[in-house]
Structure formats: structure tokens, C-alpha cells
Protein backbone atom coordinates (compact mmCIF):
# COMPACT_ATOMS: atom_id res chain seq x y z
CA UNK A 1 0.00 0.00 0.00
CA UNK A 2 1.35 3.43 -0.95
CA UNK A 3 2.23 5.91 1.79
CA UNK A 4 -0.20 8.80 1.81
CA UNK A 5 0.62 12.40 2.54
CA UNK A 6 -0.92 15.66 3.73
CA UNK A 7 0.11 19.25 3.09
CA UNK A 8 -0.31 21.91 5.76
CA UNK A 9 -0.10 25.51 4.57
CA UNK A 10 0.41 28.44 6.95
CA UNK A 11 -0.14 31.91 5.46
CA UNK A 12 1.76 34.07 7.94
CA UNK A 13 2.54 37.75 8.36
CA UNK A 14 6.11 37.54 7.09
CA UNK A 15 6.06 34.34 5.01
CA UNK A 16 3.98 31.43 3.79
CA UNK A 17 5.08 27.94 4.71
CA UNK A 18 3.97 24.58 3.31
CA UNK A 19 4.88 21.36 5.12
CA UNK A 20 4.43 17.85 3.72
CA UNK A 21 3.53 15.30 6.41
CA UNK A 22 3.02 11.57 6.41
CA UNK A 23 -0.27 10.40 7.88
CA UNK A 24 1.35 9.80 11.28
CA UNK A 25 2.49 13.42 11.52
CA UNK A 26 6.15 13.02 10.49
CA UNK A 27 7.57 15.86 8.40
CA UNK A 28 8.80 14.82 4.95
CA UNK A 29 9.84 18.21 3.58
CA UNK A 30 8.88 21.87 3.74
CA UNK A 31 9.22 25.10 1.83
CA UNK A 32 8.69 28.73 2.70
CA UNK A 33 8.73 32.06 0.93
CA UNK A 34 8.88 35.46 2.56
CA UNK A 35 7.34 38.75 1.52
CA UNK A 36 7.60 42.30 2.84
CA UNK A 37 5.27 44.12 5.19
CA UNK A 38 4.81 47.53 3.58
CA UNK A 39 5.05 50.25 6.25
CA UNK A 40 5.47 53.64 4.51
CA UNK A 41 4.27 55.37 7.70
CA UNK A 42 3.88 54.34 11.35
CA UNK A 43 0.14 53.65 10.90
CA UNK A 44 0.24 51.65 7.66
CA UNK A 45 0.97 47.91 7.52
CA UNK A 46 -0.02 46.36 4.21
CA UNK A 47 0.99 43.56 1.89
CA UNK A 48 0.57 42.67 -1.77
CA UNK A 49 -2.15 39.97 -1.91
CA UNK A 50 -0.92 38.63 -5.24
CA UNK A 51 2.58 38.22 -3.79
CA UNK A 52 1.13 36.15 -0.96
CA UNK A 53 -0.95 34.06 -3.37
CA UNK A 54 2.17 33.36 -5.42
CA UNK A 55 3.97 32.31 -2.21
CA UNK A 56 1.18 29.79 -1.51
CA UNK A 57 1.47 28.39 -5.04
CA UNK A 58 5.26 28.29 -4.90
CA UNK A 59 5.54 26.54 -1.54
CA UNK A 60 2.96 23.86 -2.35
CA UNK A 61 4.54 23.15 -5.74
CA UNK A 62 8.00 23.15 -4.13
CA UNK A 63 7.17 20.47 -1.52
CA UNK A 64 5.63 18.37 -4.27
CA UNK A 65 8.73 18.76 -6.43
CA UNK A 66 11.22 18.18 -3.60
CA UNK A 67 9.44 15.09 -2.29
CA UNK A 68 8.91 13.56 -5.76
CA UNK A 69 5.65 11.98 -4.53
CA UNK A 70 2.75 11.33 -6.88
CA UNK A 71 -0.21 13.69 -6.85
CA UNK A 72 -2.64 10.81 -6.23
CA UNK A 73 -0.94 10.11 -2.89
CA UNK A 74 -1.87 13.53 -1.43
CA UNK A 75 -4.90 13.08 0.80
CA UNK A 76 -5.62 16.80 1.12
CA UNK A 77 -4.19 20.29 1.56
CA UNK A 78 -5.28 22.11 4.74
CA UNK A 79 -4.85 25.77 5.62
CA UNK A 80 -3.81 27.98 8.50
CA UNK A 81 -3.79 31.74 8.09
CA UNK A 82 -3.04 34.97 9.90
CA UNK A 83 -6.14 36.79 11.13
CA UNK A 84 -7.72 40.24 10.76
CA UNK A 85 -6.71 41.02 7.17
CA UNK A 86 -8.99 42.95 4.79
CA UNK A 87 -8.83 43.18 0.99
CA UNK A 88 -11.46 45.00 -1.07
CA UNK A 89 -12.01 43.23 -4.41
CA UNK A 90 -14.09 44.11 -7.46
CA UNK A 91 -16.59 41.86 -9.26
CA UNK A 92 -13.76 40.16 -11.17
CA UNK A 93 -11.85 39.40 -7.97
CA UNK A 94 -9.19 42.03 -8.61
CA UNK A 95 -7.84 43.77 -5.50
CA UNK A 96 -8.89 47.39 -5.06
CA UNK A 97 -6.67 47.70 -2.00
CA UNK A 98 -3.57 46.01 -0.72
CA UNK A 99 -4.03 43.44 2.03
CA UNK A 100 -4.57 45.57 5.14
CA UNK A 101 -3.00 43.50 7.94
CA UNK A 102 -3.66 43.13 11.64
CA UNK A 103 -0.76 45.53 12.32
CA UNK A 104 -2.36 48.44 10.42
CA UNK A 105 -3.44 51.23 12.78
CA UNK A 106 -5.16 53.67 10.43
CA UNK A 107 -8.55 52.88 11.96
CA UNK A 108 -7.49 54.10 15.42
CA UNK A 109 -10.00 56.97 15.30
CA UNK A 110 -12.85 54.70 14.24
CA UNK A 111 -11.85 52.26 16.97
CA UNK A 112 -12.07 54.98 19.60
CA UNK A 113 -15.52 55.96 18.34
CA UNK A 114 -16.73 52.35 18.25
CA UNK A 115 -15.47 51.77 21.76
CA UNK A 116 -16.82 54.94 23.34
CA UNK A 117 -19.81 56.05 21.25
CA UNK A 118 -21.20 53.14 19.22
CA UNK A 119 -21.65 50.37 21.79
CA UNK A 120 -18.43 48.56 20.96
CA UNK A 121 -18.37 46.59 24.20
CA UNK A 122 -21.74 45.01 23.38
CA UNK A 123 -20.38 44.10 19.94
CA UNK A 124 -17.35 42.52 21.66
CA UNK A 125 -19.53 40.49 24.02
CA UNK A 126 -21.34 38.95 21.02
CA UNK A 127 -18.37 38.56 18.68
CA UNK A 128 -15.41 37.89 20.99
CA UNK A 129 -13.03 40.21 19.10
CA UNK A 130 -11.61 43.01 21.27
CA UNK A 131 -12.21 46.53 19.96
CA UNK A 132 -8.91 47.51 18.35
CA UNK A 133 -7.60 48.76 14.97
CA UNK A 134 -6.56 45.16 14.16
CA UNK A 135 -10.23 44.25 13.84
CA UNK A 136 -11.76 44.19 10.33
CA UNK A 137 -14.93 45.91 11.56
CA UNK A 138 -12.88 49.03 12.30
CA UNK A 139 -10.96 48.71 9.03
CA UNK A 140 -14.26 48.72 7.12
CA UNK A 141 -15.39 51.82 9.05
CA UNK A 142 -12.11 53.49 8.04
CA UNK A 143 -12.45 52.49 4.38
CA UNK A 144 -16.03 53.79 4.26
CA UNK A 145 -15.01 57.15 5.69
CA UNK A 146 -11.53 57.67 4.21
CA UNK A 147 -11.73 55.79 0.87
CA UNK A 148 -15.42 56.11 -0.07
CA UNK A 149 -14.88 55.52 -3.82
CA UNK A 150 -13.11 52.21 -3.15
CA UNK A 151 -15.67 51.27 -0.50
CA UNK A 152 -18.54 51.79 -2.93
CA UNK A 153 -16.83 49.96 -5.81
CA UNK A 154 -15.91 46.93 -3.71
CA UNK A 155 -17.85 43.76 -4.49
CA UNK A 156 -16.51 41.86 -1.47
CA UNK A 157 -14.35 42.51 1.58
CA UNK A 158 -12.28 39.41 2.22
CA UNK A 159 -9.29 38.07 4.14
CA UNK A 160 -6.07 36.83 2.57
CA UNK A 161 -7.18 33.18 2.90
CA UNK A 162 -10.47 33.98 1.18
CA UNK A 163 -8.47 35.64 -1.60
CA UNK A 164 -6.37 32.49 -2.07
CA UNK A 165 -9.41 30.20 -2.18
CA UNK A 166 -11.23 32.50 -4.60
CA UNK A 167 -8.22 32.41 -6.93
CA UNK A 168 -8.01 28.60 -6.74
CA UNK A 169 -11.71 27.71 -6.79
CA UNK A 170 -13.68 30.78 -7.90
CA UNK A 171 -15.74 30.74 -4.68
CA UNK A 172 -15.83 33.17 -1.75
CA UNK A 173 -15.87 31.22 1.53
CA UNK A 174 -14.95 32.29 5.06
CA UNK A 175 -14.32 29.69 7.75
CA UNK A 176 -15.82 30.24 11.19
CA UNK A 177 -12.38 30.71 12.71
CA UNK A 178 -11.21 33.56 10.46
CA UNK A 179 -14.73 35.03 10.56
CA UNK A 180 -14.69 34.98 14.36
CA UNK A 181 -11.69 37.33 14.31
CA UNK A 182 -13.47 40.01 12.26
CA UNK A 183 -15.56 41.49 15.08
CA UNK A 184 -18.62 40.73 12.93
CA UNK A 185 -19.48 37.07 13.68
CA UNK A 186 -22.08 36.28 16.33
CA UNK A 187 -20.40 33.47 18.29
CA UNK A 188 -23.58 31.91 19.60
CA UNK A 189 -25.36 31.85 16.23
CA UNK A 190 -22.28 31.37 13.98
CA UNK A 191 -23.82 33.93 11.63
CA UNK A 192 -22.80 37.44 10.65
CA UNK A 193 -23.90 39.84 13.41
CA UNK A 194 -26.57 42.24 12.10
CA UNK A 195 -25.62 45.19 14.31
CA UNK A 196 -21.89 44.80 13.61
CA UNK A 197 -22.56 44.82 9.86
CA UNK A 198 -24.72 47.94 10.24
CA UNK A 199 -21.89 49.73 12.00
CA UNK A 200 -19.44 48.59 9.32
CA UNK A 201 -21.83 49.88 6.65
CA UNK A 202 -22.29 46.63 4.72
CA UNK A 203 -24.65 43.69 4.39
CA UNK A 204 -23.98 39.95 4.15
CA UNK A 205 -23.78 40.02 0.37
CA UNK A 206 -20.46 41.89 0.58
CA UNK A 207 -18.88 39.22 2.77
CA UNK A 208 -18.04 35.58 2.01
CA UNK A 209 -20.30 32.60 2.62
CA UNK A 210 -19.68 31.16 6.09
CA UNK A 211 -18.46 27.55 6.32
CA UNK A 212 -17.14 25.30 9.14
CA UNK A 213 -13.38 24.97 9.53
CA UNK A 214 -13.74 21.37 8.31
CA UNK A 215 -15.21 22.42 4.95
CA UNK A 216 -13.52 20.77 1.94
CA UNK A 217 -13.32 22.73 -1.32
CA UNK A 218 -12.98 20.60 -4.46
CA UNK A 219 -12.57 21.32 -8.14
CA UNK A 220 -9.28 23.18 -8.41
CA UNK A 221 -9.07 25.30 -11.50
CA UNK A 222 -7.17 23.14 -14.03
CA UNK A 223 -4.34 25.64 -14.53
CA UNK A 224 -3.90 25.92 -10.75
CA UNK A 225 -3.84 22.12 -10.31
CA UNK A 226 -1.16 21.83 -12.97
CA UNK A 227 1.02 24.52 -11.41
CA UNK A 228 0.63 23.08 -7.91
CA UNK A 229 1.39 19.54 -9.05
CA UNK A 230 -1.90 18.26 -7.62
CA UNK A 231 -4.98 16.53 -8.98
CA UNK A 232 -7.95 18.83 -9.65
CA UNK A 233 -10.13 16.87 -7.21
CA UNK A 234 -7.62 17.08 -4.32
CA UNK A 235 -9.64 18.27 -1.27
CA UNK A 236 -8.58 21.67 0.06
CA UNK A 237 -9.67 21.93 3.71
CA UNK A 238 -10.44 25.57 4.46
CA UNK A 239 -8.96 25.18 7.95
CA UNK A 240 -8.74 27.89 10.59
CA UNK A 241 -6.62 30.75 11.88
CA UNK A 242 -2.96 30.33 12.77
CA UNK A 243 -3.47 30.94 16.47
CA UNK A 244 -6.11 28.31 17.11
CA UNK A 245 -4.31 25.77 14.90
CA UNK A 246 -1.09 26.38 16.80
CA UNK A 247 -2.91 25.29 19.96
CA UNK A 248 -4.09 22.15 18.19
CA UNK A 249 -0.61 21.51 16.77
CA UNK A 250 1.01 21.46 20.21
CA UNK A 251 -1.75 19.46 21.86
CA UNK A 252 -3.05 22.37 23.94
CA UNK A 253 -6.72 21.55 23.37
CA UNK A 254 -7.75 20.40 26.84
CA UNK A 255 -8.88 22.58 29.76
CA UNK A 256 -5.97 23.75 31.88
CA UNK A 257 -3.37 23.59 29.11
CA UNK A 258 -2.06 26.91 27.79
CA UNK A 259 -0.05 27.55 24.64
CA UNK A 260 2.36 30.47 24.96
CA UNK A 261 3.60 31.47 21.53
CA UNK A 262 6.23 33.96 20.45
CA UNK A 263 6.83 34.27 16.74
CA UNK A 264 6.91 37.66 15.04
CA UNK A 265 4.19 38.65 17.48
CA UNK A 266 2.92 36.44 20.32
CA UNK A 267 -0.10 35.11 22.17
CA UNK A 268 -1.44 33.25 25.19
CA UNK A 269 -4.21 30.79 24.32
CA UNK A 270 -6.25 28.07 25.98
CA UNK A 271 -9.33 26.07 24.91
CA UNK A 272 -12.91 25.99 26.20
CA UNK A 273 -15.87 23.91 25.05
CA UNK A 274 -18.06 26.99 24.60
CA UNK A 275 -17.57 30.68 23.77
CA UNK A 276 -16.09 32.67 26.67
CA UNK A 277 -15.69 36.46 26.73
CA UNK A 278 -14.27 38.84 29.33
CA UNK A 279 -16.49 41.48 31.02
CA UNK A 280 -13.48 43.82 30.77
CA UNK A 281 -12.99 43.12 27.06
CA UNK A 282 -9.33 42.08 27.34
CA UNK A 283 -9.29 38.63 25.72
CA UNK A 284 -10.43 37.14 22.43
CA UNK A 285 -12.62 34.13 21.71
CA UNK A 286 -12.10 32.47 18.31
CA UNK A 287 -13.59 29.30 16.85
CA UNK A 288 -11.66 26.10 16.14
CA UNK A 289 -14.68 23.80 15.84
CA UNK A 290 -18.17 24.11 17.28
CA UNK A 291 -16.90 22.23 20.36
CA UNK A 292 -13.50 23.92 20.63
CA UNK A 293 -13.15 27.65 21.30
CA UNK A 294 -9.76 29.27 21.77
CA UNK A 295 -9.58 31.94 24.48
CA UNK A 296 -6.59 34.23 24.90
CA UNK A 297 -4.81 37.42 24.09
CA UNK A 298 -2.41 38.44 21.31
CA UNK A 299 0.59 40.73 21.67
CA UNK A 300 2.04 42.76 18.80
CA UNK A 301 5.60 42.66 19.99
CA UNK A 302 7.32 39.29 20.03
CA UNK A 303 10.32 38.00 18.12
CA UNK A 304 10.34 41.11 15.94
CA UNK A 305 11.93 42.91 18.89
CA UNK A 306 14.84 40.47 19.00
CA UNK A 307 15.34 41.29 15.31
CA UNK A 308 15.16 45.01 16.19
CA UNK A 309 17.87 44.48 18.82
CA UNK A 310 20.01 42.66 16.25
CA UNK A 311 19.60 45.38 13.64
CA UNK A 312 19.91 48.45 15.86
CA UNK A 313 22.27 47.44 18.69
CA UNK A 314 24.42 44.62 17.41
CA UNK A 315 26.28 45.47 14.18
CA UNK A 316 29.61 44.25 15.60
CA UNK A 317 28.06 41.07 16.99
CA UNK A 318 26.44 40.32 13.62
CA UNK A 319 29.84 40.68 11.94
CA UNK A 320 31.40 38.38 14.53
CA UNK A 321 28.67 35.80 13.90
CA UNK A 322 29.31 35.98 10.15
CA UNK A 323 33.04 35.37 10.64
CA UNK A 324 32.37 32.41 12.93
CA UNK A 325 29.60 31.02 10.75
CA UNK A 326 27.00 31.01 13.54
CA UNK A 327 23.58 32.53 14.03
CA UNK A 328 23.74 36.19 15.23
CA UNK A 329 20.89 35.46 17.65
CA UNK A 330 23.08 32.82 19.35
CA UNK A 331 25.75 35.47 19.88
CA UNK A 332 23.22 37.89 21.37
CA UNK A 333 21.80 35.18 23.62
CA UNK A 334 25.26 34.35 24.96
CA UNK A 335 25.81 38.03 25.74
CA UNK A 336 22.46 38.25 27.57
CA UNK A 337 23.26 35.12 29.61
CA UNK A 338 26.00 37.04 31.42
CA UNK A 339 23.42 39.40 32.93
CA UNK A 340 21.50 38.28 36.04
CA UNK A 341 17.73 37.80 36.05
CA UNK A 342 15.98 41.17 36.21
CA UNK A 343 18.76 42.92 34.25
CA UNK A 344 19.82 44.66 37.49
CA UNK A 345 16.60 46.66 37.62
CA UNK A 346 16.36 47.62 33.95
CA UNK A 347 12.79 47.17 32.66
CA UNK A 348 11.66 47.30 29.04
CA UNK A 349 8.09 47.84 27.87
CA UNK A 350 7.97 46.26 24.41
CA UNK A 351 5.29 48.42 22.79
CA UNK A 352 7.24 49.44 19.69
CA UNK A 353 4.26 48.74 17.41
CA UNK A 354 1.50 49.78 19.81
CA UNK A 355 -0.06 46.91 21.72
CA UNK A 356 -3.02 44.62 21.65
CA UNK A 357 -3.39 42.56 24.85
CA UNK A 358 -3.22 43.51 27.63
CA UNK A 359 -3.43 47.27 26.84
CA UNK A 360 -5.50 47.26 23.61
CA UNK A 361 -3.92 50.60 22.86
CA UNK A 362 -2.53 51.28 19.39
CA UNK A 363 -0.86 54.43 20.73
CA UNK A 364 1.25 52.55 23.31
CA UNK A 365 4.98 53.13 22.92
CA UNK A 366 8.07 51.27 24.11
CA UNK A 367 10.46 52.41 26.80
CA UNK A 368 13.42 51.43 28.94
CA UNK A 369 13.04 52.28 32.63
CA UNK A 370 15.63 52.20 35.38
CA UNK A 371 18.72 52.96 33.26
CA UNK A 372 21.88 53.83 35.18
CA UNK A 373 25.54 54.21 34.28
CA UNK A 374 26.03 50.63 35.44
CA UNK A 375 23.89 49.29 32.60
CA UNK A 376 25.49 48.25 29.34
CA UNK A 377 24.38 46.89 25.99
CA UNK A 378 24.09 43.36 27.37
CA UNK A 379 21.61 44.58 30.01
CA UNK A 380 19.48 46.19 27.32
CA UNK A 381 19.50 43.01 25.25
CA UNK A 382 18.38 40.89 28.19
CA UNK A 383 15.77 43.40 29.35
CA UNK A 384 14.17 43.36 25.88
CA UNK A 385 13.84 39.56 26.06
CA UNK A 386 12.47 39.79 29.60
CA UNK A 387 10.06 42.58 28.62
CA UNK A 388 8.46 40.43 25.93
CA UNK A 389 7.85 37.64 28.49
CA UNK A 390 6.64 40.07 31.19
CA UNK A 391 4.10 41.42 28.73
CA UNK A 392 2.93 37.93 27.80
CA UNK A 393 2.56 37.07 31.48
CA UNK A 394 0.25 40.05 32.05
CA UNK A 395 -1.97 38.57 29.31
CA UNK A 396 -1.89 35.25 31.17
CA UNK A 397 -3.22 37.00 34.27
CA UNK A 398 -6.27 38.24 32.31
CA UNK A 399 -6.91 34.74 30.92
CA UNK A 400 -6.58 33.25 34.41
CA UNK A 401 -9.44 35.45 35.65
CA UNK A 402 -11.80 33.68 33.23
CA UNK A 403 -10.27 30.20 32.98
CA UNK A 404 -8.31 29.59 36.20
CA UNK A 405 -4.60 28.96 36.69
CA UNK A 406 -3.20 26.65 34.00
CA UNK A 407 -1.89 23.20 34.82
CA UNK A 408 0.64 23.13 31.98
CA UNK A 409 2.27 25.63 29.59
CA UNK A 410 3.26 24.58 26.08
CA UNK A 411 5.79 26.98 24.52
CA UNK A 412 5.82 27.39 20.76
CA UNK A 413 7.14 29.69 18.06
CA UNK A 414 10.60 30.74 16.97
CA UNK A 415 11.56 31.84 20.49
CA UNK A 416 11.43 28.19 21.60
CA UNK A 417 14.76 27.65 19.85
CA UNK A 418 16.43 29.81 22.53
CA UNK A 419 17.18 28.00 25.80
CA UNK A 420 17.60 31.35 27.58
CA UNK A 421 14.22 32.64 26.44
CA UNK A 422 12.49 29.37 27.36
CA UNK A 423 13.99 29.47 30.85
CA UNK A 424 12.95 33.12 31.24
CA UNK A 425 9.36 32.06 30.55
CA UNK A 426 9.50 29.32 33.21
CA UNK A 427 11.02 31.78 35.71
CA UNK A 428 8.64 34.69 35.03
CA UNK A 429 5.52 32.47 34.84
CA UNK A 430 6.85 30.45 37.81
CA UNK A 431 5.64 27.23 36.18
CA UNK A 432 7.04 24.34 34.22
CA UNK A 433 7.32 25.12 30.50
CA UNK A 434 7.14 22.26 27.99
CA UNK A 435 8.32 22.65 24.38
CA UNK A 436 6.63 20.27 21.92
CA UNK A 437 8.73 18.45 19.38
CA UNK A 438 7.34 20.13 16.27
CA UNK A 439 8.04 23.81 15.70
CA UNK A 440 5.59 23.72 12.77
CA UNK A 441 2.59 23.80 15.08
CA UNK A 442 0.15 25.72 12.85
CA UNK A 443 0.84 23.47 9.84
CA UNK A 444 0.52 20.35 11.98
CA UNK A 445 -2.70 21.69 13.48
CA UNK A 446 -4.02 22.28 9.97
CA UNK A 447 -3.39 18.69 8.89
CA UNK A 448 -4.86 17.24 12.10
CA UNK A 449 -7.99 19.29 11.42
CA UNK A 450 -7.86 17.96 7.86
CA UNK A 451 -7.71 14.36 9.09
CA UNK A 452 -10.74 15.08 11.27
CA UNK A 453 -12.56 16.81 8.40
CA UNK A 454 -12.00 13.86 6.05
CA UNK A 455 -13.09 11.28 8.64
CA UNK A 456 -9.68 9.65 8.99
CA UNK A 457 -9.67 10.36 12.74
CA UNK A 458 -12.71 10.72 14.98
CA UNK A 459 -11.19 13.10 17.53
CA UNK A 460 -8.71 15.98 17.49
CA UNK A 461 -7.00 14.21 20.41
CA UNK A 462 -5.20 12.12 17.80
CA UNK A 463 -2.67 14.98 17.77
CA UNK A 464 -1.21 13.65 21.03
CA UNK A 465 0.26 10.69 19.14
CA UNK A 466 1.98 13.00 16.66
CA UNK A 467 3.97 15.24 19.00
CA UNK A 468 6.74 14.63 21.46
CA UNK A 469 8.66 16.85 23.86
CA UNK A 470 12.03 18.40 23.17
CA UNK A 471 12.58 20.52 26.29
CA UNK A 472 11.22 20.94 29.79
CA UNK A 473 12.15 23.90 31.97
CA UNK A 474 11.39 24.19 35.66
CA UNK A 475 11.47 27.65 37.24
CA UNK A 476 14.64 28.65 39.07
CA UNK A 477 13.37 29.79 42.45
CA UNK A 478 15.86 32.64 42.92
CA UNK A 479 15.01 34.06 39.49
CA UNK A 480 11.27 33.75 40.03
CA UNK A 481 11.61 35.65 43.30
CA UNK A 482 13.36 38.52 41.50
CA UNK A 483 10.75 38.63 38.74
CA UNK A 484 7.91 38.68 41.28
CA UNK A 485 9.48 41.80 42.78
CA UNK A 486 9.72 43.51 39.39
CA UNK A 487 6.33 42.54 37.95
CA UNK A 488 4.23 45.00 40.03
CA UNK A 489 6.61 47.80 39.02
CA UNK A 490 6.34 46.74 35.37
CA UNK A 491 2.51 46.80 35.52
CA UNK A 492 2.32 50.05 37.50
CA UNK A 493 4.55 51.76 34.95
CA UNK A 494 2.50 50.96 31.88
CA UNK A 495 -0.67 51.96 33.69
CA UNK A 496 0.78 55.31 34.73
CA UNK A 497 2.17 55.97 31.25
CA UNK A 498 -1.10 55.20 29.50
CA UNK A 499 -2.22 58.85 29.59
CA UNK A 500 1.03 59.89 27.88
CA UNK A 501 0.95 57.34 25.05
CA UNK A 502 -1.69 59.24 23.08
CA UNK A 503 0.25 62.52 23.33
CA UNK A 504 3.56 61.07 22.10
CA UNK A 505 1.85 59.03 19.37
CA UNK A 506 0.05 62.17 18.14
CA UNK A 507 3.36 64.06 18.07
CA UNK A 508 4.99 61.24 16.10
CA UNK A 509 2.16 61.16 13.56
CA UNK A 510 2.43 64.92 13.08
CA UNK A 511 6.17 64.63 12.53
CA UNK A 512 5.55 61.90 9.95
CA UNK A 513 3.08 64.15 8.13
CA UNK A 514 0.05 61.97 8.82
């Protein structure tokens, strides 16, 4: 009997990745292709949707070519995707806008109005998406007010995954997971929310048809099938969002298990068997299946800040790494290891791109606090890494209020490759941190959902047989004690600075000519 294979595709913020798995979850090969985030001003964060579509096509065709498997042996292709994107398209499916990403802050004014004048909290309680410029409902308000000609011409407003499926199949479909991150899906009814659509200024006809995350699209356009190296009747499972599939991919789908992820951005997520929202509006609730709801909070500022440190502080270290033939991040980590926990009282608030959870304030700005003449570059490097984890821990505190203290933390994302960063998480969270074997958690989650969708498994719990453990970190008591002293100061600082964030952000926008 021939071995059969599955392809998981993850459409991310900085790249698209396709991973070819065997049916038992082993990775055969993978391919990825990056693309730029276009940021001509501090408020704009867009991408070229056609560039992303071409990355999807390239990576799928590349894993097929590299593996040399036959098209008939591919069981299905299943998708994960970044959330909150909006593309206006005309009747022929041509983009009228770029892909407006989650990181775009141009709808900050509309967000403020929705939150304070238009009953935004009631919308949140029904839809589970915190009121923030990341949310497509606010992006549509902005488009209607600032780009009325485009808004009127638009046939549909869709996400990047919907754009890909429309190009491949000629059909506009939105899975419940991506739809639940728009701020316009009623979680209890799993239908578009009438009041949210009224505020956005649209009706259902201008959005995609809602489908479960297990929906299988068939009938690839012949030219697409040929380019991908697949059969036209290969099932394409619509899948879900990257965050909820990451939880599935690491086995964090039972009550009491939390996935803590740091990639470009980051998140804390756990799973409930019903929709759960926060009376204070701090956490999200997104669909995985009708019996699995992912509760948590996203942060803007994750691994991108380690890259910022590399680019802005570490030119000489990067050169050293090149000469030695090692990763520059390994050099920076070794430097940070020489600094004690707490960076000798130097705190860093990592809000360089505003912040979602726990502040939900697009005007938030980063800062170092506690600098003295005794601090050096290595202290600043370590305090940035600690600041990212501190911020994630404050999100955990909000999730705990609704879901209770977690029993286990599963750490995922690019940061999990750093032993120092993993240990920092165990020390700051003061709990054991487990790192699953597969770093490709969203792609694995997509294929597990695909197996469930195609009836090859009868429970998502089958994922437990596909993952192992690479690292376990127990908290170091002395370090945890230090971090517990610093955490109240860290929280008090960002609360006291909140009134100043708007003023400095306004000044910066004026200087940028916005």
C-alpha cells in the first residue's frame, strides 16, 4: 500500500510555509517564501495579496517537487492563516486595496468611536473580538469614511485566505475561525452579526459565505492544479486561523493547558468547550470547531523585537557571527546570559508597534526604565527579552481570571529555539514550560484538522500521538523571586504611562506628516 501524505499551509505575516507530512504526523519536507510588510508610515501595515498568493502556489509546488511523490498520494491540503486582514475586491476578484493587515493602525480613530460612542463593548460580548484597529470591523469603518470611492466599488471585503481560495476555486468562503476574528461574527449563532454589519456599513452580500473549519473545497481550476502539481479533485480543507491551529498543533486543546507562543508577534491561548468572553474586554474568543473555542490574548511585539535588537544594537556582533559562521541570535543570547535575572533593575516595555493585549492601545509606545551608568548593551539586550515575556505574562493574568490557573504551559514559536528565552518564561511564569517536538505547530494543526474533516480520525485528540517533547524547563526559584518583585513595578509603569501614550503618538504622527 502506498504511503499517503498531507500538506499543511500556513499563510503568515512575514512568510507562507507549506509542510508535507506523512499520515502519522512526520515531516517529509517543507518550503517557505517570505514577503515584505509595507510600512510607509507608522500607521500603515499592508501587503501585496498577489505576492502572498504566489507564495502559496510556490511553496505547495515546491514540496511536491522536492518530495517527488505522486499527486494521487496527497490526501488533502489544509490551511492555517493569519487573522484580521482585509482586501477589497471588485466583481472580477481584482484587489482594489492592498491586504490591510492586523498591524495596520489607520482605523485608530474609528476604533475609539466604536469603543466609546457606538456600543463597541456590546459588539465585543457577542463577537469575541476586542475593539482595536486590528479588527476588520474598524478597518471597514475606516475604508467607508476615508476611501469612499473604493468602498462603494468593492464587491466583497475578504481576508487573505479567502483571496487564495477564490483564486483557486472561484468561490468566496470564510471559515468560522477567520470570521470569528473580524468582530462581525455572532459566536452563539455562527452567523454574521446584524448590528456589527450595520456599524461597518455593509450587508452579508459583501462578505463571504460562512463555512465550518472542516469544509472541503474541491474542483481546483485546471491551470492551478497543474502549477501546484496536484490533482484537480484534491480536497482543500479551508482550515482555521494560525493561532487556534497552533494550539491544536502542540496538543493544547484540553482545559488547563495553555499555549504560549512567540513568533513575530505572540499570544497566550487556551481552549474551552463553549464561547467565553471577558467582562473587561481584554481577551479574544475564536472558533476552532463548534466544540472547541480558543480563548486568549495576542501581543504585537514578540520576536520582531529580537530582530530590532540585532539590527539596531548589534552590528559588531552580527559581523562576529558571520566570521564564525554562527547565528547572530546565538551570539546575542550568549551576551544576555551574562546578565543576572531582572537585568539589574532595567525594565523594558515592548510596545514598539503599539499593543493589543493587555493594553489594547494602538498608541502605546516602548520604553526602557531604570537605566543607570552601570547598565550596558548586554543589560538592554536581556531586558528586551524579559520585557516580551513580562508582557505575555500580564496577558496570562487576564486569561486566568476567566479560565483559572493553568496546569501546563506549552511553549511554541521561533523563540522556543532559545534555551535562555524558554527558561525566562519558566522563571517569570513560575511554572514548568514544555516545548513540543514540532516547531511547525500551525501546519501540523491544519493537517490534524484535515484528518478530522475527512473522517480519517474521529477526535482531534489524535494529535497527542503526533507530537513529542524536546525541552522541559522548571522555574529557578531565585530568578522567580526577582521577577515577582519587578512585575508589580512593570505593571504600574505601563498603567501610569497610558495617559502619555496618546500625546507622544500624536506628536509622532504629526512629525511623519500623517
